[in-house]
Amino acid sequence: MHKLAGVELDVFEAGQGPPILFLHGANGFAPGHPYVAPLSAQHRLIAPSHPGFGRSSLPDWIDAVDDIAYVHLELLDRLGLARVDVIGCSLGGWIAAELATKSPGSVRRMVLVGPVGVKTGPVDRLDVPDIFARPQSELERLLFHDPERMRTDPATLTDEQLAIMVRNRETLALLTWEPYMHNPKLRHRLHRVTAPTLFLRGESDGLVSADYLAAYARLLPDAHTGTIAQAGHAPHVEQPDALVRLALAFLDAGDAP
């Protein structure tokens, strides 16, 4: 645990080498996730649980994604890391984008996987489907290429795991409900990002469309896009090998941090 700005931040670290800051999505982070071992094989993987997720505390002053970006910048200061590569998934991609606009020099290269966070379409239409208004079965079809394979049986989870699952969802609602899944100011700040950025999405992603991803990427000075086959909104857990291969090929293409 690291105490930063009154936050008890649970931070997982593994491996040695060039540092990668991994910012998880709405379902949180777990050391047993299939992307963890390959990402940390030749890199120092740093994966904080965002405030209000996992075992990290949630002080009253945090009520926006913007706040969490500052917490993670302070974490980098605490760890003595002046410059890192960043991988952000979904909500974590939004946090990564905010972080890179606040301190452009802190991010060397960046991979955003199914990121949310900006408004690209008409004001009277949602860019991202309302996940809070859908039954679980429909939500699973939006999230996964193969919902049956990826479905979690709550009966197999411990009481602590169930509590974390519910807490993660509560925090997600706090951060993303209004305005829904975006910061109106972010699109006007993304020109500040200096890091080459790779935008990825699963081909079956029902939340982040190809058009949304492309529009998001156009807001950054140096951005590229790619698609991962047989994956939905969470390719890091549905197709971890493909995600790791593409992410590391992009991150390792530049000079070491």
Protein backbone atom coordinates (compact mmCIF):
# COMPACT_ATOMS: atom_id res chain seq x y z
CA MET A 1 0.00 0.00 0.00
CA HIS A 2 1.12 3.55 -0.79
CA LYS A 3 -0.48 6.49 0.98
CA LEU A 4 -0.82 9.37 -1.48
CA ALA A 5 -2.90 12.51 -0.88
CA GLY A 6 -4.91 10.68 1.75
CA VAL A 7 -5.49 7.66 -0.51
CA GLU A 8 -4.45 4.16 0.52
CA LEU A 9 -3.42 2.95 -2.92
CA ASP A 10 -2.97 -0.78 -3.50
CA VAL A 11 -0.13 -1.16 -6.01
CA PHE A 12 1.02 -4.42 -7.61
CA GLU A 13 4.57 -4.61 -8.95
CA ALA A 14 6.38 -7.42 -10.78
CA GLY A 15 9.34 -7.86 -13.07
CA GLN A 16 12.37 -5.82 -13.99
CA GLY A 17 13.22 -3.66 -16.97
CA PRO A 18 11.62 -0.63 -18.63
CA PRO A 19 8.60 0.41 -16.53
CA ILE A 20 5.02 -0.01 -17.70
CA LEU A 21 2.20 1.66 -15.79
CA PHE A 22 -0.89 -0.52 -16.29
CA LEU A 23 -4.22 1.20 -15.65
CA HIS A 24 -7.10 -1.25 -15.32
CA GLY A 25 -10.69 -0.96 -16.47
CA ALA A 26 -13.99 -1.15 -14.61
CA ASN A 27 -13.58 -4.76 -13.48
CA GLY A 28 -10.36 -3.95 -11.62
CA PHE A 29 -6.96 -5.60 -11.50
CA ALA A 30 -5.91 -9.02 -10.23
CA PRO A 31 -2.38 -10.48 -10.19
CA GLY A 32 -3.75 -13.65 -11.74
CA HIS A 33 -5.04 -11.97 -14.88
CA PRO A 34 -3.50 -13.64 -17.96
CA TYR A 35 -1.70 -10.55 -19.27
CA VAL A 36 0.28 -9.97 -16.06
CA ALA A 37 3.02 -12.60 -16.48
CA PRO A 38 3.89 -11.81 -20.13
CA LEU A 39 3.87 -8.05 -19.52
CA SER A 40 6.23 -8.41 -16.55
CA ALA A 41 8.56 -10.95 -18.16
CA GLN A 42 10.97 -8.27 -19.41
CA HIS A 43 9.43 -5.10 -17.97
CA ARG A 44 8.73 -3.64 -14.57
CA LEU A 45 4.94 -3.79 -14.37
CA ILE A 46 3.30 -1.29 -12.03
CA ALA A 47 -0.45 -1.79 -11.66
CA PRO A 48 -2.29 0.37 -9.12
CA SER A 49 -5.90 -0.30 -8.21
CA HIS A 50 -7.60 3.04 -8.76
CA PRO A 51 -9.12 4.77 -5.70
CA GLY A 52 -12.41 3.02 -4.92
CA PHE A 53 -11.42 -0.16 -6.79
CA GLY A 54 -10.03 -3.36 -5.31
CA ARG A 55 -8.54 -2.64 -1.90
CA SER A 56 -7.68 1.02 -2.56
CA SER A 57 -9.50 3.59 -0.44
CA LEU A 58 -11.82 6.28 -1.80
CA PRO A 59 -11.63 9.60 0.05
CA ASP A 60 -14.54 12.03 -0.25
CA TRP A 61 -12.60 14.49 -2.41
CA ILE A 62 -12.33 12.06 -5.33
CA ASP A 63 -15.38 12.16 -7.58
CA ALA A 64 -13.97 12.31 -11.12
CA VAL A 65 -11.52 10.50 -13.39
CA ASP A 66 -9.52 13.73 -13.50
CA ASP A 67 -8.77 13.32 -9.77
CA ILE A 68 -7.44 9.79 -10.27
CA ALA A 69 -4.99 10.96 -12.94
CA TYR A 70 -3.38 13.23 -10.37
CA VAL A 71 -3.14 10.37 -7.86
CA HIS A 72 -1.27 8.21 -10.36
CA LEU A 73 1.07 11.08 -11.26
CA GLU A 74 1.89 11.34 -7.57
CA LEU A 75 2.52 7.59 -7.52
CA LEU A 76 5.10 8.00 -10.29
CA ASP A 77 6.77 10.72 -8.23
CA ARG A 78 6.79 8.47 -5.17
CA LEU A 79 8.39 5.66 -7.17
CA GLY A 80 10.99 8.01 -8.65
CA LEU A 81 9.85 7.38 -12.22
CA ALA A 82 10.26 10.42 -14.42
CA ARG A 83 9.06 8.71 -17.62
CA VAL A 84 7.09 5.51 -18.21
CA ASP A 85 5.18 3.63 -20.85
CA VAL A 86 1.45 3.38 -20.14
CA ILE A 87 -1.19 0.79 -21.01
CA GLY A 88 -4.75 1.80 -20.17
CA CYS A 89 -7.85 -0.34 -20.68
CA SER A 90 -11.36 1.16 -21.01
CA LEU A 91 -11.72 3.40 -17.93
CA GLY A 92 -7.96 3.04 -17.48
CA GLY A 93 -7.49 4.36 -21.01
CA TRP A 94 -9.45 7.45 -20.05
CA ILE A 95 -7.27 7.91 -16.96
CA ALA A 96 -4.14 7.44 -19.08
CA ALA A 97 -5.28 10.09 -21.55
CA GLU A 98 -5.98 12.56 -18.73
CA LEU A 99 -2.57 11.82 -17.19
CA ALA A 100 -0.78 12.35 -20.49
CA THR A 101 -2.39 15.78 -20.98
CA LYS A 102 -1.40 16.95 -17.49
CA SER A 103 2.22 15.82 -17.63
CA PRO A 104 3.15 15.04 -21.26
CA GLY A 105 6.79 14.43 -20.42
CA SER A 106 5.89 11.64 -17.98
CA VAL A 107 4.62 9.34 -20.74
CA ARG A 108 7.03 7.93 -23.33
CA ARG A 109 4.65 5.73 -25.34
CA MET A 110 1.04 4.80 -24.66
CA VAL A 111 -1.40 2.00 -25.55
CA LEU A 112 -5.11 2.69 -25.05
CA VAL A 113 -7.35 -0.39 -25.23
CA GLY A 114 -11.03 0.34 -25.84
CA PRO A 115 -10.69 3.73 -24.15
CA VAL A 116 -13.59 5.97 -23.20
CA GLY A 117 -13.42 9.55 -21.98
CA VAL A 118 -14.23 11.90 -24.88
CA LYS A 119 -17.43 12.98 -26.63
CA THR A 120 -17.14 12.52 -30.38
CA GLY A 121 -20.74 12.32 -31.62
CA PRO A 122 -23.91 14.46 -31.47
CA VAL A 123 -24.80 15.92 -28.07
CA ASP A 124 -28.20 14.19 -28.10
CA ARG A 125 -26.76 10.70 -28.58
CA LEU A 126 -24.53 8.54 -26.39
CA ASP A 127 -21.19 7.52 -27.88
CA VAL A 128 -20.98 4.57 -25.47
CA PRO A 129 -24.09 2.46 -24.69
CA ASP A 130 -25.54 2.95 -21.21
CA ILE A 131 -24.10 0.02 -19.27
CA PHE A 132 -26.13 0.84 -16.16
CA ALA A 133 -29.49 0.46 -17.93
CA ARG A 134 -28.94 -3.03 -19.34
CA PRO A 135 -29.46 -6.50 -17.85
CA GLN A 136 -26.32 -8.51 -17.19
CA SER A 137 -26.91 -10.88 -20.11
CA GLU A 138 -27.09 -8.02 -22.60
CA LEU A 139 -24.09 -6.30 -21.03
CA GLU A 140 -22.03 -9.47 -21.41
CA ARG A 141 -22.83 -9.53 -25.14
CA LEU A 142 -21.52 -5.97 -25.43
CA LEU A 143 -18.38 -6.75 -23.44
CA PHE A 144 -17.23 -10.08 -24.85
CA HIS A 145 -16.75 -11.83 -28.16
CA ASP A 146 -17.58 -15.11 -26.41
CA PRO A 147 -19.82 -14.30 -23.41
CA GLU A 148 -20.31 -17.94 -22.44
CA ARG A 149 -16.57 -18.52 -22.06
CA MET A 150 -15.97 -15.28 -20.18
CA ARG A 151 -18.96 -15.41 -17.81
CA THR A 152 -18.12 -15.38 -14.09
CA ASP A 153 -20.21 -17.54 -11.76
CA PRO A 154 -20.74 -15.51 -8.55
CA ALA A 155 -21.08 -18.78 -6.63
CA THR A 156 -17.38 -19.46 -7.24
CA LEU A 157 -16.26 -16.15 -5.72
CA THR A 158 -15.29 -15.50 -2.11
CA ASP A 159 -17.13 -12.94 -0.02
CA GLU A 160 -14.18 -10.56 -0.44
CA GLN A 161 -14.21 -10.98 -4.22
CA LEU A 162 -17.97 -10.32 -4.33
CA ALA A 163 -17.56 -7.21 -2.18
CA ILE A 164 -14.83 -5.91 -4.47
CA MET A 165 -16.98 -6.58 -7.54
CA VAL A 166 -19.86 -4.54 -6.11
CA ARG A 167 -17.53 -1.79 -4.90
CA ASN A 168 -15.90 -1.53 -8.33
CA ARG A 169 -19.30 -1.03 -9.93
CA GLU A 170 -20.31 1.61 -7.38
CA THR A 171 -17.11 3.56 -7.99
CA LEU A 172 -17.56 3.26 -11.76
CA ALA A 173 -21.01 4.85 -11.45
CA LEU A 174 -19.62 7.66 -9.29
CA LEU A 175 -16.90 8.47 -11.82
CA THR A 176 -18.75 8.05 -15.12
CA TRP A 177 -22.45 8.71 -14.59
CA GLU A 178 -22.69 12.47 -15.23
CA PRO A 179 -21.53 13.43 -17.78
CA TYR A 180 -21.74 9.87 -19.02
CA MET A 181 -18.38 8.24 -19.85
CA HIS A 182 -16.56 11.43 -20.81
CA ASN A 183 -14.93 14.61 -19.63
CA PRO A 184 -16.13 17.48 -21.87
CA LYS A 185 -12.77 19.23 -21.41
CA LEU A 186 -10.55 16.28 -22.35
CA ARG A 187 -10.93 16.58 -26.14
CA HIS A 188 -9.61 20.14 -25.90
CA ARG A 189 -6.51 19.00 -24.02
CA LEU A 190 -5.46 15.95 -26.02
CA HIS A 191 -3.33 18.04 -28.38
CA ARG A 192 -0.89 18.31 -25.45
CA VAL A 193 -0.08 14.57 -25.58
CA THR A 194 3.44 14.09 -26.95
CA ALA A 195 3.64 10.30 -26.58
CA PRO A 196 3.14 8.14 -29.68
CA THR A 197 -0.13 6.33 -28.94
CA LEU A 198 -1.63 3.06 -30.15
CA PHE A 199 -5.41 2.74 -29.94
CA LEU A 200 -6.68 -0.86 -29.87
CA ARG A 201 -10.16 -2.38 -29.76
CA GLY A 202 -11.58 -5.87 -29.95
CA GLU A 203 -13.40 -6.51 -33.21
CA SER A 204 -16.56 -7.48 -31.27
CA ASP A 205 -16.45 -4.56 -28.83
CA GLY A 206 -20.05 -3.47 -28.29
CA LEU A 207 -19.13 -0.42 -26.21
CA VAL A 208 -16.32 1.28 -28.13
CA SER A 209 -17.09 1.34 -31.85
CA ALA A 210 -14.50 1.53 -34.61
CA ASP A 211 -15.78 5.01 -35.52
CA TYR A 212 -15.47 6.21 -31.93
CA LEU A 213 -11.94 4.84 -31.65
CA ALA A 214 -10.89 6.50 -34.90
CA ALA A 215 -12.39 9.84 -33.86
CA TYR A 216 -10.64 9.61 -30.48
CA ALA A 217 -7.31 8.84 -32.16
CA ARG A 218 -7.62 11.87 -34.46
CA LEU A 219 -7.55 14.13 -31.41
CA LEU A 220 -3.94 13.15 -30.61
CA PRO A 221 -0.93 14.40 -32.58
CA ASP A 222 0.70 10.98 -33.09
CA ALA A 223 -1.81 8.12 -32.95
CA HIS A 224 -2.31 4.77 -34.63
CA THR A 225 -5.20 2.30 -34.45
CA GLY A 226 -5.48 -1.48 -34.52
CA THR A 227 -8.00 -4.29 -34.04
CA ILE A 228 -7.76 -7.54 -32.09
CA ALA A 229 -9.68 -10.47 -33.57
CA GLN A 230 -12.06 -12.63 -31.52
CA ALA A 231 -12.18 -10.13 -28.67
CA GLY A 232 -14.70 -7.71 -27.24
CA HIS A 233 -14.22 -4.79 -24.89
CA ALA A 234 -11.65 -6.59 -22.75
CA PRO A 235 -9.06 -8.13 -25.13
CA HIS A 236 -6.51 -8.12 -22.29
CA VAL A 237 -8.48 -10.96 -20.67
CA GLU A 238 -10.19 -12.48 -23.74
CA GLN A 239 -7.18 -12.49 -26.07
CA PRO A 240 -4.26 -11.67 -23.74
CA ASP A 241 -1.53 -13.09 -25.96
CA ALA A 242 -2.57 -10.94 -28.93
CA LEU A 243 -2.94 -7.85 -26.74
CA VAL A 244 0.49 -8.30 -25.14
CA ARG A 245 2.14 -8.99 -28.50
CA LEU A 246 0.73 -5.83 -30.10
CA ALA A 247 1.28 -3.64 -27.05
CA LEU A 248 4.90 -4.67 -26.49
CA ALA A 249 5.76 -4.46 -30.18
CA PHE A 250 4.57 -0.85 -30.11
CA LEU A 251 6.11 0.08 -26.77
CA ASP A 252 9.45 -1.57 -27.49
CA ALA A 253 9.72 0.05 -30.91
CA GLY A 254 11.05 3.26 -29.35
CA ASP A 255 14.08 3.98 -27.21
CA ALA A 256 14.04 2.50 -23.70
CA PRO A 257 12.57 4.88 -21.08
